[in-house]
Amino acid sequence: MDIKKVGIFAAGLLFGTAGIKVLSSKDAKKVYTNCTAAALRAKKCVMNTATTIQENVDDIYQGAKQINADREAEEDVVVEDIPAETAEETAECACEAAAENTEAAEA
C-alpha cells in the first residue's frame, strides 16, 4: 500500500466526518429552517398571484362570451328588421357601385 493513498483516504474520512458535524450543528439547522421558511413564503406569494390571475382570466372569459352573445343578438335584430326586397335592392346597388368603381379604376 502506498502511504500517499492512505493519507488521502484518512483526510477524506476526517473531512467527511467534520462536514457531517458541521451540517448537523445548531447553526446549520437554523440556516435550513430559515431557508425553508423563505421557500414557503415564496410559495404562498406565487400561489396568491396564480389565484388572482386565474380569477381575472375567468372574468375576462365570461365578459368575452357576453360580448359575443350581444353581437349575435344585434345581428339577428338587424337582419330581421330589413325587409327581403330592400335587402335585395341594397345588394344590387352595392354590386353596381363596385362595378362602377372597378371601371373608374381601370380608366
PDB file of N, CA and C in Angstrom:
ATOM      1  N   MET A   1       0.833  -1.193   0.000  1.00  0.00           N
ATOM      2  CA  MET A   1       0.000   0.000   0.000  1.00  0.00           C
ATOM      3  C   MET A   1       0.866   1.241   0.000  1.00  0.00           C
ATOM      4  N   ASP A   2       0.353   2.188  -0.649  1.00  0.00           N
ATOM      5  CA  ASP A   2       1.069   3.451  -0.778  1.00  0.00           C
ATOM      6  C   ASP A   2       0.638   4.381   0.356  1.00  0.00           C
ATOM      7  N   ILE A   3       1.575   5.009   1.006  1.00  0.00           N
ATOM      8  CA  ILE A   3       1.313   5.921   2.123  1.00  0.00           C
ATOM      9  C   ILE A   3       0.486   7.117   1.656  1.00  0.00           C
ATOM     10  N   LYS A   4       0.729   7.560   0.440  1.00  0.00           N
ATOM     11  CA  LYS A   4       0.005   8.729  -0.089  1.00  0.00           C
ATOM     12  C   LYS A   4      -1.490   8.408  -0.188  1.00  0.00           C
ATOM     13  N   LYS A   5      -1.829   7.217  -0.679  1.00  0.00           N
ATOM     14  CA  LYS A   5      -3.230   6.828  -0.818  1.00  0.00           C
ATOM     15  C   LYS A   5      -3.899   6.701   0.539  1.00  0.00           C
ATOM     16  N   VAL A   6      -3.204   6.148   1.490  1.00  0.00           N
ATOM     17  CA  VAL A   6      -3.746   6.008   2.845  1.00  0.00           C
ATOM     18  C   VAL A   6      -3.965   7.387   3.460  1.00  0.00           C
ATOM     19  N   GLY A   7      -3.036   8.289   3.233  1.00  0.00           N
ATOM     20  CA  GLY A   7      -3.161   9.662   3.755  1.00  0.00           C
ATOM     21  C   GLY A   7      -4.363  10.382   3.150  1.00  0.00           C
ATOM     22  N   ILE A   8      -4.576  10.216   1.833  1.00  0.00           N
ATOM     23  CA  ILE A   8      -5.711  10.850   1.170  1.00  0.00           C
ATOM     24  C   ILE A   8      -7.024  10.274   1.702  1.00  0.00           C
ATOM     25  N   PHE A   9      -7.049   8.941   1.905  1.00  0.00           N
ATOM     26  CA  PHE A   9      -8.246   8.299   2.450  1.00  0.00           C
ATOM     27  C   PHE A   9      -8.546   8.833   3.848  1.00  0.00           C
ATOM     28  N   ALA A  10      -7.541   8.934   4.688  1.00  0.00           N
ATOM     29  CA  ALA A  10      -7.717   9.413   6.069  1.00  0.00           C
ATOM     30  C   ALA A  10      -8.182  10.864   6.074  1.00  0.00           C
ATOM     31  N   ALA A  11      -7.629  11.683   5.200  1.00  0.00           N
ATOM     32  CA  ALA A  11      -8.037  13.089   5.129  1.00  0.00           C
ATOM     33  C   ALA A  11      -9.491  13.196   4.675  1.00  0.00           C
ATOM     34  N   GLY A  12      -9.869  12.376   3.692  1.00  0.00           N
ATOM     35  CA  GLY A  12     -11.253  12.385   3.231  1.00  0.00           C
ATOM     36  C   GLY A  12     -12.212  11.948   4.314  1.00  0.00           C
ATOM     37  N   LEU A  13     -11.839  10.919   5.069  1.00  0.00           N
ATOM     38  CA  LEU A  13     -12.667  10.436   6.169  1.00  0.00           C
ATOM     39  C   LEU A  13     -12.809  11.512   7.239  1.00  0.00           C
ATOM     40  N   LEU A  14     -11.710  12.167   7.581  1.00  0.00           N
ATOM     41  CA  LEU A  14     -11.736  13.232   8.584  1.00  0.00           C
ATOM     42  C   LEU A  14     -12.577  14.415   8.100  1.00  0.00           C
ATOM     43  N   PHE A  15     -12.389  14.795   6.848  1.00  0.00           N
ATOM     44  CA  PHE A  15     -13.137  15.917   6.291  1.00  0.00           C
ATOM     45  C   PHE A  15     -14.634  15.580   6.213  1.00  0.00           C
ATOM     46  N   GLY A  16     -14.955  14.356   5.828  1.00  0.00           N
ATOM     47  CA  GLY A  16     -16.348  13.923   5.754  1.00  0.00           C
ATOM     48  C   GLY A  16     -17.001  13.925   7.118  1.00  0.00           C
ATOM     49  N   THR A  17     -16.309  13.423   8.115  1.00  0.00           N
ATOM     50  CA  THR A  17     -16.845  13.399   9.472  1.00  0.00           C
ATOM     51  C   THR A  17     -17.040  14.813   9.992  1.00  0.00           C
ATOM     52  N   ALA A  18     -16.058  15.667   9.763  1.00  0.00           N
ATOM     53  CA  ALA A  18     -16.181  17.061  10.199  1.00  0.00           C
ATOM     54  C   ALA A  18     -17.309  17.748   9.443  1.00  0.00           C
ATOM     55  N   GLY A  19     -17.457  17.426   8.164  1.00  0.00           N
ATOM     56  CA  GLY A  19     -18.526  18.017   7.363  1.00  0.00           C
ATOM     57  C   GLY A  19     -19.898  17.629   7.877  1.00  0.00           C
ATOM     58  N   ILE A  20     -20.043  16.356   8.266  1.00  0.00           N
ATOM     59  CA  ILE A  20     -21.325  15.900   8.813  1.00  0.00           C
ATOM     60  C   ILE A  20     -21.615  16.617  10.124  1.00  0.00           C
ATOM     61  N   LYS A  21     -20.617  16.794  10.931  1.00  0.00           N
ATOM     62  CA  LYS A  21     -20.797  17.506  12.207  1.00  0.00           C
ATOM     63  C   LYS A  21     -21.233  18.949  11.950  1.00  0.00           C
ATOM     64  N   VAL A  22     -20.598  19.590  10.983  1.00  0.00           N
ATOM     65  CA  VAL A  22     -20.941  20.984  10.670  1.00  0.00           C
ATOM     66  C   VAL A  22     -22.362  21.072  10.119  1.00  0.00           C
ATOM     67  N   LEU A  23     -22.704  20.147   9.220  1.00  0.00           N
ATOM     68  CA  LEU A  23     -24.023  20.184   8.598  1.00  0.00           C
ATOM     69  C   LEU A  23     -25.144  19.852   9.571  1.00  0.00           C
ATOM     70  N   SER A  24     -24.837  19.154  10.657  1.00  0.00           N
ATOM     71  CA  SER A  24     -25.873  18.803  11.626  1.00  0.00           C
ATOM     72  C   SER A  24     -25.810  19.665  12.880  1.00  0.00           C
ATOM     73  N   SER A  25     -25.080  20.753  12.850  1.00  0.00           N
ATOM     74  CA  SER A  25     -24.964  21.626  14.017  1.00  0.00           C
ATOM     75  C   SER A  25     -26.213  22.496  14.170  1.00  0.00           C
ATOM     76  N   LYS A  26     -26.343  23.153  15.325  1.00  0.00           N
ATOM     77  CA  LYS A  26     -27.480  24.036  15.593  1.00  0.00           C
ATOM     78  C   LYS A  26     -27.533  25.196  14.603  1.00  0.00           C
ATOM     79  N   ASP A  27     -26.386  25.767  14.318  1.00  0.00           N
ATOM     80  CA  ASP A  27     -26.339  26.898  13.381  1.00  0.00           C
ATOM     81  C   ASP A  27     -26.793  26.481  11.984  1.00  0.00           C
ATOM     82  N   ALA A  28     -26.350  25.313  11.563  1.00  0.00           N
ATOM     83  CA  ALA A  28     -26.757  24.824  10.252  1.00  0.00           C
ATOM     84  C   ALA A  28     -28.259  24.574  10.221  1.00  0.00           C
ATOM     85  N   LYS A  29     -28.801  24.027  11.299  1.00  0.00           N
ATOM     86  CA  LYS A  29     -30.240  23.785  11.370  1.00  0.00           C
ATOM     87  C   LYS A  29     -31.019  25.097  11.292  1.00  0.00           C
ATOM     88  N   LYS A  30     -30.487  26.153  11.916  1.00  0.00           N
ATOM     89  CA  LYS A  30     -31.139  27.468  11.826  1.00  0.00           C
ATOM     90  C   LYS A  30     -31.164  27.967  10.382  1.00  0.00           C
ATOM     91  N   VAL A  31     -30.054  27.768   9.691  1.00  0.00           N
ATOM     92  CA  VAL A  31     -29.975  28.178   8.283  1.00  0.00           C
ATOM     93  C   VAL A  31     -30.985  27.394   7.463  1.00  0.00           C
ATOM     94  N   TYR A  32     -31.048  26.072   7.668  1.00  0.00           N
ATOM     95  CA  TYR A  32     -32.007  25.246   6.927  1.00  0.00           C
ATOM     96  C   TYR A  32     -33.437  25.695   7.215  1.00  0.00           C
ATOM     97  N   THR A  33     -33.720  25.986   8.479  1.00  0.00           N
ATOM     98  CA  THR A  33     -35.066  26.408   8.867  1.00  0.00           C
ATOM     99  C   THR A  33     -35.419  27.741   8.218  1.00  0.00           C
ATOM    100  N   ASN A  34     -34.491  28.682   8.228  1.00  0.00           N
ATOM    101  CA  ASN A  34     -34.758  29.986   7.607  1.00  0.00           C
ATOM    102  C   ASN A  34     -34.942  29.863   6.091  1.00  0.00           C
ATOM    103  N   CYS A  35     -34.145  29.025   5.475  1.00  0.00           N
ATOM    104  CA  CYS A  35     -34.290  28.819   4.025  1.00  0.00           C
ATOM    105  C   CYS A  35     -35.633  28.169   3.697  1.00  0.00           C
ATOM    106  N   THR A  36     -36.038  27.195   4.491  1.00  0.00           N
ATOM    107  CA  THR A  36     -37.326  26.540   4.273  1.00  0.00           C
ATOM    108  C   THR A  36     -38.470  27.526   4.485  1.00  0.00           C
ATOM    109  N   ALA A  37     -38.367  28.361   5.514  1.00  0.00           N
ATOM    110  CA  ALA A  37     -39.406  29.370   5.766  1.00  0.00           C
ATOM    111  C   ALA A  37     -39.497  30.347   4.593  1.00  0.00           C
ATOM    112  N   ALA A  38     -38.357  30.758   4.055  1.00  0.00           N
ATOM    113  CA  ALA A  38     -38.359  31.667   2.907  1.00  0.00           C
ATOM    114  C   ALA A  38     -38.995  30.996   1.696  1.00  0.00           C
ATOM    115  N   ALA A  39     -38.714  29.724   1.501  1.00  0.00           N
ATOM    116  CA  ALA A  39     -39.312  28.992   0.375  1.00  0.00           C
ATOM    117  C   ALA A  39     -40.821  28.888   0.538  1.00  0.00           C
ATOM    118  N   LEU A  40     -41.288  28.666   1.752  1.00  0.00           N
ATOM    119  CA  LEU A  40     -42.736  28.600   1.998  1.00  0.00           C
ATOM    120  C   LEU A  40     -43.416  29.952   1.761  1.00  0.00           C
ATOM    121  N   ARG A  41     -42.737  31.031   2.167  1.00  0.00           N
ATOM    122  CA  ARG A  41     -43.295  32.373   1.898  1.00  0.00           C
ATOM    123  C   ARG A  41     -43.357  32.644   0.404  1.00  0.00           C
ATOM    124  N   ALA A  42     -42.329  32.246  -0.299  1.00  0.00           N
ATOM    125  CA  ALA A  42     -42.317  32.433  -1.752  1.00  0.00           C
ATOM    126  C   ALA A  42     -43.433  31.624  -2.399  1.00  0.00           C
ATOM    127  N   LYS A  43     -43.629  30.407  -1.942  1.00  0.00           N
ATOM    128  CA  LYS A  43     -44.699  29.554  -2.480  1.00  0.00           C
ATOM    129  C   LYS A  43     -46.054  30.215  -2.249  1.00  0.00           C
ATOM    130  N   LYS A  44     -46.269  30.745  -1.053  1.00  0.00           N
ATOM    131  CA  LYS A  44     -47.546  31.401  -0.736  1.00  0.00           C
ATOM    132  C   LYS A  44     -47.774  32.593  -1.656  1.00  0.00           C
ATOM    133  N   CYS A  45     -46.746  33.374  -1.881  1.00  0.00           N
ATOM    134  CA  CYS A  45     -46.844  34.543  -2.757  1.00  0.00           C
ATOM    135  C   CYS A  45     -47.182  34.119  -4.188  1.00  0.00           C
ATOM    136  N   VAL A  46     -46.511  33.098  -4.675  1.00  0.00           N
ATOM    137  CA  VAL A  46     -46.761  32.608  -6.034  1.00  0.00           C
ATOM    138  C   VAL A  46     -48.180  32.072  -6.153  1.00  0.00           C
ATOM    139  N   MET A  47     -48.635  31.339  -5.155  1.00  0.00           N
ATOM    140  CA  MET A  47     -49.988  30.778  -5.196  1.00  0.00           C
ATOM    141  C   MET A  47     -51.041  31.889  -5.157  1.00  0.00           C
ATOM    142  N   ASN A  48     -50.807  32.939  -4.361  1.00  0.00           N
ATOM    143  CA  ASN A  48     -51.746  34.068  -4.328  1.00  0.00           C
ATOM    144  C   ASN A  48     -51.806  34.752  -5.696  1.00  0.00           C
ATOM    145  N   THR A  49     -50.665  34.950  -6.306  1.00  0.00           N
ATOM    146  CA  THR A  49     -50.625  35.574  -7.631  1.00  0.00           C
ATOM    147  C   THR A  49     -51.320  34.694  -8.663  1.00  0.00           C
ATOM    148  N   ALA A  50     -51.092  33.396  -8.606  1.00  0.00           N
ATOM    149  CA  ALA A  50     -51.729  32.470  -9.548  1.00  0.00           C
ATOM    150  C   ALA A  50     -53.245  32.480  -9.381  1.00  0.00           C
ATOM    151  N   THR A  51     -53.715  32.549  -8.139  1.00  0.00           N
ATOM    152  CA  THR A  51     -55.161  32.597  -7.888  1.00  0.00           C
ATOM    153  C   THR A  51     -55.755  33.880  -8.445  1.00  0.00           C
ATOM    154  N   THR A  52     -55.089  34.994  -8.246  1.00  0.00           N
ATOM    155  CA  THR A  52     -55.568  36.275  -8.763  1.00  0.00           C
ATOM    156  C   THR A  52     -55.632  36.249 -10.288  1.00  0.00           C
ATOM    157  N   ILE A  53     -54.616  35.723 -10.911  1.00  0.00           N
ATOM    158  CA  ILE A  53     -54.597  35.640 -12.380  1.00  0.00           C
ATOM    159  C   ILE A  53     -55.726  34.749 -12.870  1.00  0.00           C
ATOM    160  N   GLN A  54     -55.940  33.628 -12.209  1.00  0.00           N
ATOM    161  CA  GLN A  54     -56.994  32.706 -12.617  1.00  0.00           C
ATOM    162  C   GLN A  54     -58.368  33.365 -12.492  1.00  0.00           C
ATOM    163  N   GLU A  55     -58.597  34.124 -11.425  1.00  0.00           N
ATOM    164  CA  GLU A  55     -59.871  34.826 -11.271  1.00  0.00           C
ATOM    165  C   GLU A  55     -60.056  35.854 -12.380  1.00  0.00           C
ATOM    166  N   ASN A  56     -59.001  36.572 -12.711  1.00  0.00           N
ATOM    167  CA  ASN A  56     -59.092  37.572 -13.776  1.00  0.00           C
ATOM    168  C   ASN A  56     -59.361  36.930 -15.130  1.00  0.00           C
ATOM    169  N   VAL A  57     -58.732  35.799 -15.380  1.00  0.00           N
ATOM    170  CA  VAL A  57     -58.951  35.106 -16.650  1.00  0.00           C
ATOM    171  C   VAL A  57     -60.398  34.653 -16.756  1.00  0.00           C
ATOM    172  N   ASP A  58     -60.966  34.149 -15.670  1.00  0.00           N
ATOM    173  CA  ASP A  58     -62.362  33.725 -15.685  1.00  0.00           C
ATOM    174  C   ASP A  58     -63.277  34.913 -15.971  1.00  0.00           C
ATOM    175  N   ASP A  59     -63.003  36.064 -15.344  1.00  0.00           N
ATOM    176  CA  ASP A  59     -63.807  37.267 -15.591  1.00  0.00           C
ATOM    177  C   ASP A  59     -63.702  37.707 -17.046  1.00  0.00           C
ATOM    178  N   ILE A  60     -62.512  37.701 -17.577  1.00  0.00           N
ATOM    179  CA  ILE A  60     -62.298  38.111 -18.977  1.00  0.00           C
ATOM    180  C   ILE A  60     -63.028  37.160 -19.917  1.00  0.00           C
ATOM    181  N   TYR A  61     -62.939  35.873 -19.648  1.00  0.00           N
ATOM    182  CA  TYR A  61     -63.595  34.877 -20.493  1.00  0.00           C
ATOM    183  C   TYR A  61     -65.114  35.071 -20.487  1.00  0.00           C
ATOM    184  N   GLN A  62     -65.680  35.271 -19.307  1.00  0.00           N
ATOM    185  CA  GLN A  62     -67.127  35.480 -19.216  1.00  0.00           C
ATOM    186  C   GLN A  62     -67.534  36.771 -19.922  1.00  0.00           C
ATOM    187  N   GLY A  63     -66.734  37.814 -19.781  1.00  0.00           N
ATOM    188  CA  GLY A  63     -67.018  39.073 -20.478  1.00  0.00           C
ATOM    189  C   GLY A  63     -66.974  38.917 -21.986  1.00  0.00           C
ATOM    190  N   ALA A  64     -66.000  38.169 -22.478  1.00  0.00           N
ATOM    191  CA  ALA A  64     -65.882  37.941 -23.924  1.00  0.00           C
ATOM    192  C   ALA A  64     -67.080  37.151 -24.446  1.00  0.00           C
ATOM    193  N   LYS A  65     -67.517  36.144 -23.690  1.00  0.00           N
ATOM    194  CA  LYS A  65     -68.687  35.376 -24.094  1.00  0.00           C
ATOM    195  C   LYS A  65     -69.922  36.276 -24.154  1.00  0.00           C
ATOM    196  N   GLN A  66     -70.055  37.191 -23.194  1.00  0.00           N
ATOM    197  CA  GLN A  66     -71.204  38.099 -23.164  1.00  0.00           C
ATOM    198  C   GLN A  66     -71.173  39.052 -24.353  1.00  0.00           C
ATOM    199  N   ILE A  67     -70.005  39.569 -24.691  1.00  0.00           N
ATOM    200  CA  ILE A  67     -69.873  40.466 -25.847  1.00  0.00           C
ATOM    201  C   ILE A  67     -70.290  39.740 -27.124  1.00  0.00           C
ATOM    202  N   ASN A  68     -69.820  38.513 -27.295  1.00  0.00           N
ATOM    203  CA  ASN A  68     -70.191  37.746 -28.495  1.00  0.00           C
ATOM    204  C   ASN A  68     -71.678  37.456 -28.530  1.00  0.00           C
ATOM    205  N   ALA A  69     -72.282  37.148 -27.387  1.00  0.00           N
ATOM    206  CA  ALA A  69     -73.723  36.900 -27.344  1.00  0.00           C
ATOM    207  C   ALA A  69     -74.494  38.166 -27.704  1.00  0.00           C
ATOM    208  N   ASP A  70     -74.039  39.319 -27.193  1.00  0.00           N
ATOM    209  CA  ASP A  70     -74.691  40.595 -27.512  1.00  0.00           C
ATOM    210  C   ASP A  70     -74.581  40.900 -29.003  1.00  0.00           C
ATOM    211  N   ARG A  71     -73.412  40.663 -29.588  1.00  0.00           N
ATOM    212  CA  ARG A  71     -73.238  40.922 -31.027  1.00  0.00           C
ATOM    213  C   ARG A  71     -74.137  40.019 -31.868  1.00  0.00           C
ATOM    214  N   GLU A  72     -74.227  38.759 -31.485  1.00  0.00           N
ATOM    215  CA  GLU A  72     -75.095  37.847 -32.224  1.00  0.00           C
ATOM    216  C   GLU A  72     -76.546  38.292 -32.127  1.00  0.00           C
ATOM    217  N   ALA A  73     -76.968  38.767 -30.958  1.00  0.00           N
ATOM    218  CA  ALA A  73     -78.336  39.244 -30.782  1.00  0.00           C
ATOM    219  C   ALA A  73     -78.587  40.479 -31.642  1.00  0.00           C
ATOM    220  N   GLU A  74     -77.608  41.403 -31.698  1.00  0.00           N
ATOM    221  CA  GLU A  74     -77.753  42.608 -32.527  1.00  0.00           C
ATOM    222  C   GLU A  74     -77.831  42.245 -34.006  1.00  0.00           C
ATOM    223  N   GLU A  75     -77.006  41.296 -34.446  1.00  0.00           N
ATOM    224  CA  GLU A  75     -77.031  40.885 -35.849  1.00  0.00           C
ATOM    225  C   GLU A  75     -78.364  40.244 -36.205  1.00  0.00           C
ATOM    226  N   ASP A  76     -78.935  39.467 -35.299  1.00  0.00           N
ATOM    227  CA  ASP A  76     -80.236  38.855 -35.552  1.00  0.00           C
ATOM    228  C   ASP A  76     -81.307  39.923 -35.687  1.00  0.00           C
ATOM    229  N   VAL A  77     -81.248  40.974 -34.865  1.00  0.00           N
ATOM    230  CA  VAL A  77     -82.228  42.048 -34.917  1.00  0.00           C
ATOM    231  C   VAL A  77     -82.070  42.823 -36.217  1.00  0.00           C
ATOM    232  N   VAL A  78     -80.864  43.128 -36.615  1.00  0.00           N
ATOM    233  CA  VAL A  78     -80.618  43.896 -37.835  1.00  0.00           C
ATOM    234  C   VAL A  78     -81.103  43.124 -39.049  1.00  0.00           C
ATOM    235  N   VAL A  79     -80.841  41.850 -39.127  1.00  0.00           N
ATOM    236  CA  VAL A  79     -81.254  41.040 -40.266  1.00  0.00           C
ATOM    237  C   VAL A  79     -82.770  40.930 -40.313  1.00  0.00           C
ATOM    238  N   GLU A  80     -83.432  40.803 -39.178  1.00  0.00           N
ATOM    239  CA  GLU A  80     -84.883  40.687 -39.141  1.00  0.00           C
ATOM    240  C   GLU A  80     -85.559  41.997 -39.496  1.00  0.00           C
ATOM    241  N   ASP A  81     -84.965  43.145 -39.203  1.00  0.00           N
ATOM    242  CA  ASP A  81     -85.572  44.447 -39.461  1.00  0.00           C
ATOM    243  C   ASP A  81     -85.582  44.804 -40.937  1.00  0.00           C
ATOM    244  N   ILE A  82     -84.655  44.300 -41.720  1.00  0.00           N
ATOM    245  CA  ILE A  82     -84.566  44.660 -43.131  1.00  0.00           C
ATOM    246  C   ILE A  82     -85.509  43.757 -43.927  1.00  0.00           C
ATOM    247  N   PRO A  83     -86.489  44.351 -44.653  1.00  0.00           N
ATOM    248  CA  PRO A  83     -87.357  43.527 -45.491  1.00  0.00           C
ATOM    249  C   PRO A  83     -86.541  42.865 -46.595  1.00  0.00           C
ATOM    250  N   ALA A  84     -87.019  41.746 -47.083  1.00  0.00           N
ATOM    251  CA  ALA A  84     -86.291  40.972 -48.085  1.00  0.00           C
ATOM    252  C   ALA A  84     -86.091  41.774 -49.358  1.00  0.00           C
ATOM    253  N   GLU A  85     -87.093  42.531 -49.806  1.00  0.00           N
ATOM    254  CA  GLU A  85     -86.972  43.318 -51.045  1.00  0.00           C
ATOM    255  C   GLU A  85     -85.893  44.380 -50.899  1.00  0.00           C
ATOM    256  N   THR A  86     -85.862  45.057 -49.750  1.00  0.00           N
ATOM    257  CA  THR A  86     -84.877  46.102 -49.510  1.00  0.00           C
ATOM    258  C   THR A  86     -83.472  45.504 -49.476  1.00  0.00           C
ATOM    259  N   ALA A  87     -83.335  44.340 -48.883  1.00  0.00           N
ATOM    260  CA  ALA A  87     -82.032  43.690 -48.807  1.00  0.00           C
ATOM    261  C   ALA A  87     -81.533  43.345 -50.203  1.00  0.00           C
ATOM    262  N   GLU A  88     -82.438  42.868 -51.078  1.00  0.00           N
ATOM    263  CA  GLU A  88     -82.035  42.551 -52.446  1.00  0.00           C
ATOM    264  C   GLU A  88     -81.630  43.810 -53.197  1.00  0.00           C
ATOM    265  N   GLU A  89     -82.405  44.913 -53.020  1.00  0.00           N
ATOM    266  CA  GLU A  89     -82.075  46.171 -53.690  1.00  0.00           C
ATOM    267  C   GLU A  89     -80.725  46.697 -53.210  1.00  0.00           C
ATOM    268  N   THR A  90     -80.475  46.593 -51.925  1.00  0.00           N
ATOM    269  CA  THR A  90     -79.209  47.057 -51.361  1.00  0.00           C
ATOM    270  C   THR A  90     -78.053  46.250 -51.934  1.00  0.00           C
ATOM    271  N   ALA A  91     -78.245  44.957 -52.065  1.00  0.00           N
ATOM    272  CA  ALA A  91     -77.199  44.109 -52.629  1.00  0.00           C
ATOM    273  C   ALA A  91     -76.944  44.466 -54.084  1.00  0.00           C
ATOM    274  N   GLU A  92     -78.017  44.746 -54.858  1.00  0.00           N
ATOM    275  CA  GLU A  92     -77.851  45.119 -56.256  1.00  0.00           C
ATOM    276  C   GLU A  92     -77.116  46.453 -56.371  1.00  0.00           C
ATOM    277  N   CYS A  93     -77.478  47.416 -55.526  1.00  0.00           N
ATOM    278  CA  CYS A  93     -76.812  48.725 -55.553  1.00  0.00           C
ATOM    279  C   CYS A  93     -75.327  48.585 -55.212  1.00  0.00           C
ATOM    280  N   ALA A  94     -75.037  47.728 -54.251  1.00  0.00           N
ATOM    281  CA  ALA A  94     -73.645  47.521 -53.862  1.00  0.00           C
ATOM    282  C   ALA A  94     -72.863  46.908 -55.019  1.00  0.00           C
ATOM    283  N   CYS A  95     -73.483  45.986 -55.732  1.00  0.00           N
ATOM    284  CA  CYS A  95     -72.796  45.362 -56.870  1.00  0.00           C
ATOM    285  C   CYS A  95     -72.564  46.381 -57.982  1.00  0.00           C
ATOM    286  N   GLU A  96     -73.561  47.227 -58.241  1.00  0.00           N
ATOM    287  CA  GLU A  96     -73.421  48.256 -59.273  1.00  0.00           C
ATOM    288  C   GLU A  96     -72.328  49.245 -58.889  1.00  0.00           C
ATOM    289  N   ALA A  97     -72.298  49.640 -57.628  1.00  0.00           N
ATOM    290  CA  ALA A  97     -71.280  50.591 -57.173  1.00  0.00           C
ATOM    291  C   ALA A  97     -69.886  49.981 -57.302  1.00  0.00           C
ATOM    292  N   ALA A  98     -69.753  48.715 -56.989  1.00  0.00           N
ATOM    293  CA  ALA A  98     -68.460  48.040 -57.111  1.00  0.00           C
ATOM    294  C   ALA A  98     -68.028  47.976 -58.567  1.00  0.00           C
ATOM    295  N   ALA A  99     -68.979  47.720 -59.466  1.00  0.00           N
ATOM    296  CA  ALA A  99     -68.655  47.664 -60.890  1.00  0.00           C
ATOM    297  C   ALA A  99     -68.214  49.035 -61.387  1.00  0.00           C
ATOM    298  N   GLU A 100     -68.897  50.093 -60.938  1.00  0.00           N
ATOM    299  CA  GLU A 100     -68.522  51.448 -61.351  1.00  0.00           C
ATOM    300  C   GLU A 100     -67.132  51.808 -60.836  1.00  0.00           C
ATOM    301  N   ASN A 101     -66.836  51.421 -59.629  1.00  0.00           N
ATOM    302  CA  ASN A 101     -65.506  51.708 -59.046  1.00  0.00           C
ATOM    303  C   ASN A 101     -64.430  50.962 -59.817  1.00  0.00           C
ATOM    304  N   THR A 102     -64.706  49.741 -60.236  1.00  0.00           N
ATOM    305  CA  THR A 102     -63.748  48.955 -60.990  1.00  0.00           C
ATOM    306  C   THR A 102     -63.504  49.593 -62.341  1.00  0.00           C
ATOM    307  N   GLU A 103     -64.577  50.050 -63.022  1.00  0.00           N
ATOM    308  CA  GLU A 103     -64.437  50.703 -64.325  1.00  0.00           C
ATOM    309  C   GLU A 103     -63.641  51.998 -64.196  1.00  0.00           C
ATOM    310  N   ALA A 104     -63.923  52.761 -63.155  1.00  0.00           N
ATOM    311  CA  ALA A 104     -63.221  54.020 -62.947  1.00  0.00           C
ATOM    312  C   ALA A 104     -61.736  53.784 -62.663  1.00  0.00           C
ATOM    313  N   ALA A 105     -61.434  52.720 -61.940  1.00  0.00           N
ATOM    314  CA  ALA A 105     -60.046  52.424 -61.621  1.00  0.00           C
ATOM    315  C   ALA A 105     -59.287  51.967 -62.859  1.00  0.00           C
ATOM    316  N   GLU A 106     -59.949  51.274 -63.760  1.00  0.00           N
ATOM    317  CA  GLU A 106     -59.301  50.806 -64.969  1.00  0.00           C
ATOM    318  C   GLU A 106     -59.040  51.949 -65.958  1.00  0.00           C
ATOM    319  N   ALA A 107     -59.861  52.973 -65.903  1.00  0.00           N
ATOM    320  CA  ALA A 107     -59.735  54.076 -66.858  1.00  0.00           C
ATOM    321  C   ALA A 107     -58.625  55.019 -66.525  1.00  0.00           C
TER     322      ALA A 107
END
